[in-house]
Every structure is written in C-alpha cells, then in structure tokens.
Amino acid sequence: MKQLDKLIGTNISESTRNRAIFYLGESYYLLGNYEQAVRTFVKVEQVFPNLVKEWLDSSLDRI
C-alpha cells in the first residue's frame, strides 16, 4: 500500500492515478479496513462507477 500511496503522489497521468486509487481501495478492503476502503473508493466512484459500486456495497455491508 505504501507503494500505491507513493505512486499516487507522483507526476503520473490522471488515468494511472485513478487506477492506483482504485487498487488502494481494494487493498484496504482485502486487509479488512472497510472504512478506509470506502473513503478511498469514493474518490474514484465517478471514474469507475460499475466497479466501485460492487466494492462499496460490499465494504458498507461489512462495516
């Protein structure tokens, strides 16, 4: 996760940054940190609405 955080803070394309944020949300989810996963997924909800909806719904169910 540290590497994703580091990548997000660099000079990368918006597309790559959004994908990294999505993967960061998945990482939080898989580690059981559902609240942080929700906060992270919300950042890219407009970019990946269908993908994020499933992860958000599942995260919220587990909180």
PDB file of N, CA and C in Angstrom:
ATOM      1  N   MET A   1       0.818  -1.188   0.000  1.00  0.00           N
ATOM      2  CA  MET A   1       0.000   0.000   0.000  1.00  0.00           C
ATOM      3  C   MET A   1       0.866   1.257   0.000  1.00  0.00           C
ATOM      4  N   LYS A   2       2.009   1.170   0.636  1.00  0.00           N
ATOM      5  CA  LYS A   2       2.889   2.332   0.660  1.00  0.00           C
ATOM      6  C   LYS A   2       3.324   2.702  -0.751  1.00  0.00           C
ATOM      7  N   GLN A   3       3.552   1.689  -1.577  1.00  0.00           N
ATOM      8  CA  GLN A   3       3.977   1.952  -2.949  1.00  0.00           C
ATOM      9  C   GLN A   3       2.858   2.629  -3.738  1.00  0.00           C
ATOM     10  N   LEU A   4       1.621   2.228  -3.513  1.00  0.00           N
ATOM     11  CA  LEU A   4       0.497   2.872  -4.202  1.00  0.00           C
ATOM     12  C   LEU A   4       0.356   4.321  -3.742  1.00  0.00           C
ATOM     13  N   ASP A   5       0.474   4.547  -2.437  1.00  0.00           N
ATOM     14  CA  ASP A   5       0.425   5.925  -1.922  1.00  0.00           C
ATOM     15  C   ASP A   5       1.527   6.775  -2.542  1.00  0.00           C
ATOM     16  N   LYS A   6       2.713   6.192  -2.632  1.00  0.00           N
ATOM     17  CA  LYS A   6       3.847   6.906  -3.215  1.00  0.00           C
ATOM     18  C   LYS A   6       3.571   7.214  -4.690  1.00  0.00           C
ATOM     19  N   LEU A   7       3.056   6.245  -5.434  1.00  0.00           N
ATOM     20  CA  LEU A   7       2.741   6.426  -6.846  1.00  0.00           C
ATOM     21  C   LEU A   7       1.691   7.514  -7.048  1.00  0.00           C
ATOM     22  N   ILE A   8       0.661   7.510  -6.219  1.00  0.00           N
ATOM     23  CA  ILE A   8      -0.420   8.491  -6.329  1.00  0.00           C
ATOM     24  C   ILE A   8       0.116   9.909  -6.159  1.00  0.00           C
ATOM     25  N   GLY A   9       1.148  10.067  -5.363  1.00  0.00           N
ATOM     26  CA  GLY A   9       1.714  11.383  -5.101  1.00  0.00           C
ATOM     27  C   GLY A   9       2.722  11.855  -6.144  1.00  0.00           C
ATOM     28  N   THR A  10       2.945  11.060  -7.174  1.00  0.00           N
ATOM     29  CA  THR A  10       3.925  11.451  -8.192  1.00  0.00           C
ATOM     30  C   THR A  10       3.248  12.089  -9.398  1.00  0.00           C
ATOM     31  N   ASN A  11       4.059  12.521 -10.325  1.00  0.00           N
ATOM     32  CA  ASN A  11       3.570  13.167 -11.542  1.00  0.00           C
ATOM     33  C   ASN A  11       3.201  12.098 -12.574  1.00  0.00           C
ATOM     34  N   ILE A  12       2.004  11.519 -12.425  1.00  0.00           N
ATOM     35  CA  ILE A  12       1.523  10.488 -13.343  1.00  0.00           C
ATOM     36  C   ILE A  12       0.234  10.970 -13.977  1.00  0.00           C
ATOM     37  N   SER A  13      -0.202  10.278 -15.002  1.00  0.00           N
ATOM     38  CA  SER A  13      -1.438  10.676 -15.670  1.00  0.00           C
ATOM     39  C   SER A  13      -2.626  10.489 -14.727  1.00  0.00           C
ATOM     40  N   GLU A  14      -3.669  11.227 -15.000  1.00  0.00           N
ATOM     41  CA  GLU A  14      -4.879  11.114 -14.182  1.00  0.00           C
ATOM     42  C   GLU A  14      -5.446   9.703 -14.250  1.00  0.00           C
ATOM     43  N   SER A  15      -5.380   9.100 -15.411  1.00  0.00           N
ATOM     44  CA  SER A  15      -5.870   7.738 -15.596  1.00  0.00           C
ATOM     45  C   SER A  15      -5.106   6.754 -14.704  1.00  0.00           C
ATOM     46  N   THR A  16      -3.805   6.863 -14.683  1.00  0.00           N
ATOM     47  CA  THR A  16      -2.984   5.980 -13.852  1.00  0.00           C
ATOM     48  C   THR A  16      -3.228   6.258 -12.378  1.00  0.00           C
ATOM     49  N   ARG A  17      -3.361   7.519 -12.012  1.00  0.00           N
ATOM     50  CA  ARG A  17      -3.629   7.888 -10.616  1.00  0.00           C
ATOM     51  C   ARG A  17      -4.973   7.296 -10.166  1.00  0.00           C
ATOM     52  N   ASN A  18      -5.989   7.416 -11.002  1.00  0.00           N
ATOM     53  CA  ASN A  18      -7.299   6.874 -10.646  1.00  0.00           C
ATOM     54  C   ASN A  18      -7.244   5.365 -10.464  1.00  0.00           C
ATOM     55  N   ARG A  19      -6.516   4.681 -11.336  1.00  0.00           N
ATOM     56  CA  ARG A  19      -6.389   3.225 -11.213  1.00  0.00           C
ATOM     57  C   ARG A  19      -5.643   2.867  -9.931  1.00  0.00           C
ATOM     58  N   ALA A  20      -4.608   3.608  -9.595  1.00  0.00           N
ATOM     59  CA  ALA A  20      -3.854   3.353  -8.359  1.00  0.00           C
ATOM     60  C   ALA A  20      -4.743   3.564  -7.135  1.00  0.00           C
ATOM     61  N   ILE A  21      -5.573   4.595  -7.159  1.00  0.00           N
ATOM     62  CA  ILE A  21      -6.501   4.845  -6.043  1.00  0.00           C
ATOM     63  C   ILE A  21      -7.484   3.690  -5.915  1.00  0.00           C
ATOM     64  N   PHE A  22      -7.983   3.202  -7.043  1.00  0.00           N
ATOM     65  CA  PHE A  22      -8.894   2.059  -7.014  1.00  0.00           C
ATOM     66  C   PHE A  22      -8.208   0.842  -6.387  1.00  0.00           C
ATOM     67  N   TYR A  23      -6.980   0.552  -6.830  1.00  0.00           N
ATOM     68  CA  TYR A  23      -6.245  -0.587  -6.268  1.00  0.00           C
ATOM     69  C   TYR A  23      -5.952  -0.395  -4.785  1.00  0.00           C
ATOM     70  N   LEU A  24      -5.725   0.842  -4.374  1.00  0.00           N
ATOM     71  CA  LEU A  24      -5.524   1.122  -2.960  1.00  0.00           C
ATOM     72  C   LEU A  24      -6.791   0.786  -2.173  1.00  0.00           C
ATOM     73  N   GLY A  25      -7.938   1.150  -2.721  1.00  0.00           N
ATOM     74  CA  GLY A  25      -9.208   0.788  -2.083  1.00  0.00           C
ATOM     75  C   GLY A  25      -9.374  -0.708  -1.960  1.00  0.00           C
ATOM     76  N   GLU A  26      -9.011  -1.440  -3.009  1.00  0.00           N
ATOM     77  CA  GLU A  26      -9.069  -2.904  -2.956  1.00  0.00           C
ATOM     78  C   GLU A  26      -8.151  -3.441  -1.863  1.00  0.00           C
ATOM     79  N   SER A  27      -6.981  -2.852  -1.753  1.00  0.00           N
ATOM     80  CA  SER A  27      -6.032  -3.296  -0.732  1.00  0.00           C
ATOM     81  C   SER A  27      -6.595  -3.113   0.670  1.00  0.00           C
ATOM     82  N   TYR A  28      -7.168  -1.937   0.930  1.00  0.00           N
ATOM     83  CA  TYR A  28      -7.784  -1.705   2.244  1.00  0.00           C
ATOM     84  C   TYR A  28      -8.897  -2.723   2.493  1.00  0.00           C
ATOM     85  N   TYR A  29      -9.694  -2.983   1.483  1.00  0.00           N
ATOM     86  CA  TYR A  29     -10.787  -3.946   1.619  1.00  0.00           C
ATOM     87  C   TYR A  29     -10.239  -5.325   1.987  1.00  0.00           C
ATOM     88  N   LEU A  30      -9.259  -5.789   1.223  1.00  0.00           N
ATOM     89  CA  LEU A  30      -8.714  -7.128   1.442  1.00  0.00           C
ATOM     90  C   LEU A  30      -8.019  -7.267   2.796  1.00  0.00           C
ATOM     91  N   LEU A  31      -7.572  -6.149   3.346  1.00  0.00           N
ATOM     92  CA  LEU A  31      -6.966  -6.162   4.684  1.00  0.00           C
ATOM     93  C   LEU A  31      -8.003  -6.019   5.795  1.00  0.00           C
ATOM     94  N   GLY A  32      -9.275  -5.851   5.406  1.00  0.00           N
ATOM     95  CA  GLY A  32     -10.338  -5.743   6.398  1.00  0.00           C
ATOM     96  C   GLY A  32     -10.557  -4.340   6.916  1.00  0.00           C
ATOM     97  N   ASN A  33      -9.917  -3.355   6.314  1.00  0.00           N
ATOM     98  CA  ASN A  33     -10.087  -1.962   6.722  1.00  0.00           C
ATOM     99  C   ASN A  33     -11.180  -1.344   5.841  1.00  0.00           C
ATOM    100  N   TYR A  34     -12.414  -1.729   6.116  1.00  0.00           N
ATOM    101  CA  TYR A  34     -13.543  -1.374   5.254  1.00  0.00           C
ATOM    102  C   TYR A  34     -13.870   0.113   5.263  1.00  0.00           C
ATOM    103  N   GLU A  35     -13.698   0.755   6.388  1.00  0.00           N
ATOM    104  CA  GLU A  35     -13.976   2.197   6.448  1.00  0.00           C
ATOM    105  C   GLU A  35     -13.013   2.975   5.548  1.00  0.00           C
ATOM    106  N   GLN A  36     -11.736   2.617   5.602  1.00  0.00           N
ATOM    107  CA  GLN A  36     -10.757   3.285   4.742  1.00  0.00           C
ATOM    108  C   GLN A  36     -10.993   2.911   3.284  1.00  0.00           C
ATOM    109  N   ALA A  37     -11.416   1.695   3.044  1.00  0.00           N
ATOM    110  CA  ALA A  37     -11.737   1.266   1.678  1.00  0.00           C
ATOM    111  C   ALA A  37     -12.853   2.142   1.106  1.00  0.00           C
ATOM    112  N   VAL A  38     -13.879   2.385   1.892  1.00  0.00           N
ATOM    113  CA  VAL A  38     -14.990   3.237   1.441  1.00  0.00           C
ATOM    114  C   VAL A  38     -14.485   4.636   1.133  1.00  0.00           C
ATOM    115  N   ARG A  39     -13.697   5.201   2.038  1.00  0.00           N
ATOM    116  CA  ARG A  39     -13.168   6.556   1.805  1.00  0.00           C
ATOM    117  C   ARG A  39     -12.339   6.609   0.526  1.00  0.00           C
ATOM    118  N   THR A  40     -11.628   5.552   0.238  1.00  0.00           N
ATOM    119  CA  THR A  40     -10.781   5.522  -0.951  1.00  0.00           C
ATOM    120  C   THR A  40     -11.609   5.299  -2.214  1.00  0.00           C
ATOM    121  N   PHE A  41     -12.529   4.361  -2.182  1.00  0.00           N
ATOM    122  CA  PHE A  41     -13.356   4.085  -3.362  1.00  0.00           C
ATOM    123  C   PHE A  41     -14.182   5.300  -3.778  1.00  0.00           C
ATOM    124  N   VAL A  42     -14.652   6.059  -2.810  1.00  0.00           N
ATOM    125  CA  VAL A  42     -15.469   7.239  -3.122  1.00  0.00           C
ATOM    126  C   VAL A  42     -14.694   8.227  -3.998  1.00  0.00           C
ATOM    127  N   LYS A  43     -13.382   8.267  -3.860  1.00  0.00           N
ATOM    128  CA  LYS A  43     -12.562   9.190  -4.649  1.00  0.00           C
ATOM    129  C   LYS A  43     -12.612   8.887  -6.145  1.00  0.00           C
ATOM    130  N   VAL A  44     -12.876   7.629  -6.507  1.00  0.00           N
ATOM    131  CA  VAL A  44     -12.895   7.255  -7.931  1.00  0.00           C
ATOM    132  C   VAL A  44     -14.257   6.708  -8.370  1.00  0.00           C
ATOM    133  N   GLU A  45     -15.260   6.984  -7.575  1.00  0.00           N
ATOM    134  CA  GLU A  45     -16.601   6.489  -7.877  1.00  0.00           C
ATOM    135  C   GLU A  45     -17.115   7.000  -9.223  1.00  0.00           C
ATOM    136  N   GLN A  46     -16.807   8.237  -9.549  1.00  0.00           N
ATOM    137  CA  GLN A  46     -17.270   8.818 -10.815  1.00  0.00           C
ATOM    138  C   GLN A  46     -16.502   8.252 -12.011  1.00  0.00           C
ATOM    139  N   VAL A  47     -15.295   7.800 -11.781  1.00  0.00           N
ATOM    140  CA  VAL A  47     -14.447   7.289 -12.861  1.00  0.00           C
ATOM    141  C   VAL A  47     -14.777   5.844 -13.198  1.00  0.00           C
ATOM    142  N   PHE A  48     -15.001   5.032 -12.179  1.00  0.00           N
ATOM    143  CA  PHE A  48     -15.286   3.602 -12.344  1.00  0.00           C
ATOM    144  C   PHE A  48     -16.600   3.242 -11.638  1.00  0.00           C
ATOM    145  N   PRO A  49     -17.719   3.810 -12.086  1.00  0.00           N
ATOM    146  CA  PRO A  49     -18.969   3.633 -11.324  1.00  0.00           C
ATOM    147  C   PRO A  49     -19.400   2.183 -11.129  1.00  0.00           C
ATOM    148  N   ASN A  50     -19.303   1.368 -12.142  1.00  0.00           N
ATOM    149  CA  ASN A  50     -19.759  -0.020 -12.008  1.00  0.00           C
ATOM    150  C   ASN A  50     -18.836  -0.842 -11.122  1.00  0.00           C
ATOM    151  N   LEU A  51     -17.541  -0.703 -11.318  1.00  0.00           N
ATOM    152  CA  LEU A  51     -16.567  -1.428 -10.496  1.00  0.00           C
ATOM    153  C   LEU A  51     -16.656  -1.010  -9.037  1.00  0.00           C
ATOM    154  N   VAL A  52     -16.676   0.280  -8.815  1.00  0.00           N
ATOM    155  CA  VAL A  52     -16.664   0.805  -7.446  1.00  0.00           C
ATOM    156  C   VAL A  52     -17.940   0.443  -6.700  1.00  0.00           C
ATOM    157  N   LYS A  53     -19.074   0.424  -7.379  1.00  0.00           N
ATOM    158  CA  LYS A  53     -20.342   0.129  -6.709  1.00  0.00           C
ATOM    159  C   LYS A  53     -20.287  -1.212  -5.978  1.00  0.00           C
ATOM    160  N   GLU A  54     -19.782  -2.228  -6.632  1.00  0.00           N
ATOM    161  CA  GLU A  54     -19.708  -3.551  -6.007  1.00  0.00           C
ATOM    162  C   GLU A  54     -18.809  -3.539  -4.768  1.00  0.00           C
ATOM    163  N   TRP A  55     -17.648  -2.904  -4.896  1.00  0.00           N
ATOM    164  CA  TRP A  55     -16.726  -2.840  -3.764  1.00  0.00           C
ATOM    165  C   TRP A  55     -17.289  -1.987  -2.630  1.00  0.00           C
ATOM    166  N   LEU A  56     -17.913  -0.878  -2.985  1.00  0.00           N
ATOM    167  CA  LEU A  56     -18.516  -0.008  -1.962  1.00  0.00           C
ATOM    168  C   LEU A  56     -19.634  -0.728  -1.226  1.00  0.00           C
ATOM    169  N   ASP A  57     -20.512  -1.360  -1.979  1.00  0.00           N
ATOM    170  CA  ASP A  57     -21.620  -2.088  -1.353  1.00  0.00           C
ATOM    171  C   ASP A  57     -21.113  -3.154  -0.399  1.00  0.00           C
ATOM    172  N   SER A  58     -20.120  -3.906  -0.841  1.00  0.00           N
ATOM    173  CA  SER A  58     -19.567  -4.955  -0.001  1.00  0.00           C
ATOM    174  C   SER A  58     -18.867  -4.385   1.232  1.00  0.00           C
ATOM    175  N   SER A  59     -18.139  -3.294   1.047  1.00  0.00           N
ATOM    176  CA  SER A  59     -17.460  -2.653   2.181  1.00  0.00           C
ATOM    177  C   SER A  59     -18.469  -2.156   3.203  1.00  0.00           C
ATOM    178  N   LEU A  60     -19.501  -1.494   2.710  1.00  0.00           N
ATOM    179  CA  LEU A  60     -20.521  -0.942   3.608  1.00  0.00           C
ATOM    180  C   LEU A  60     -21.258  -2.062   4.346  1.00  0.00           C
ATOM    181  N   ASP A  61     -21.486  -3.191   3.687  1.00  0.00           N
ATOM    182  CA  ASP A  61     -22.115  -4.334   4.346  1.00  0.00           C
ATOM    183  C   ASP A  61     -21.277  -4.850   5.499  1.00  0.00           C
ATOM    184  N   ARG A  62     -19.976  -4.699   5.416  1.00  0.00           N
ATOM    185  CA  ARG A  62     -19.072  -5.255   6.422  1.00  0.00           C
ATOM    186  C   ARG A  62     -18.761  -4.272   7.556  1.00  0.00           C
ATOM    187  N   ILE A  63     -19.159  -3.036   7.398  1.00  0.00           N
ATOM    188  CA  ILE A  63     -18.898  -2.060   8.457  1.00  0.00           C
ATOM    189  C   ILE A  63     -19.909  -2.246   9.580  1.00  0.00           C
TER     190      ILE A  63
END
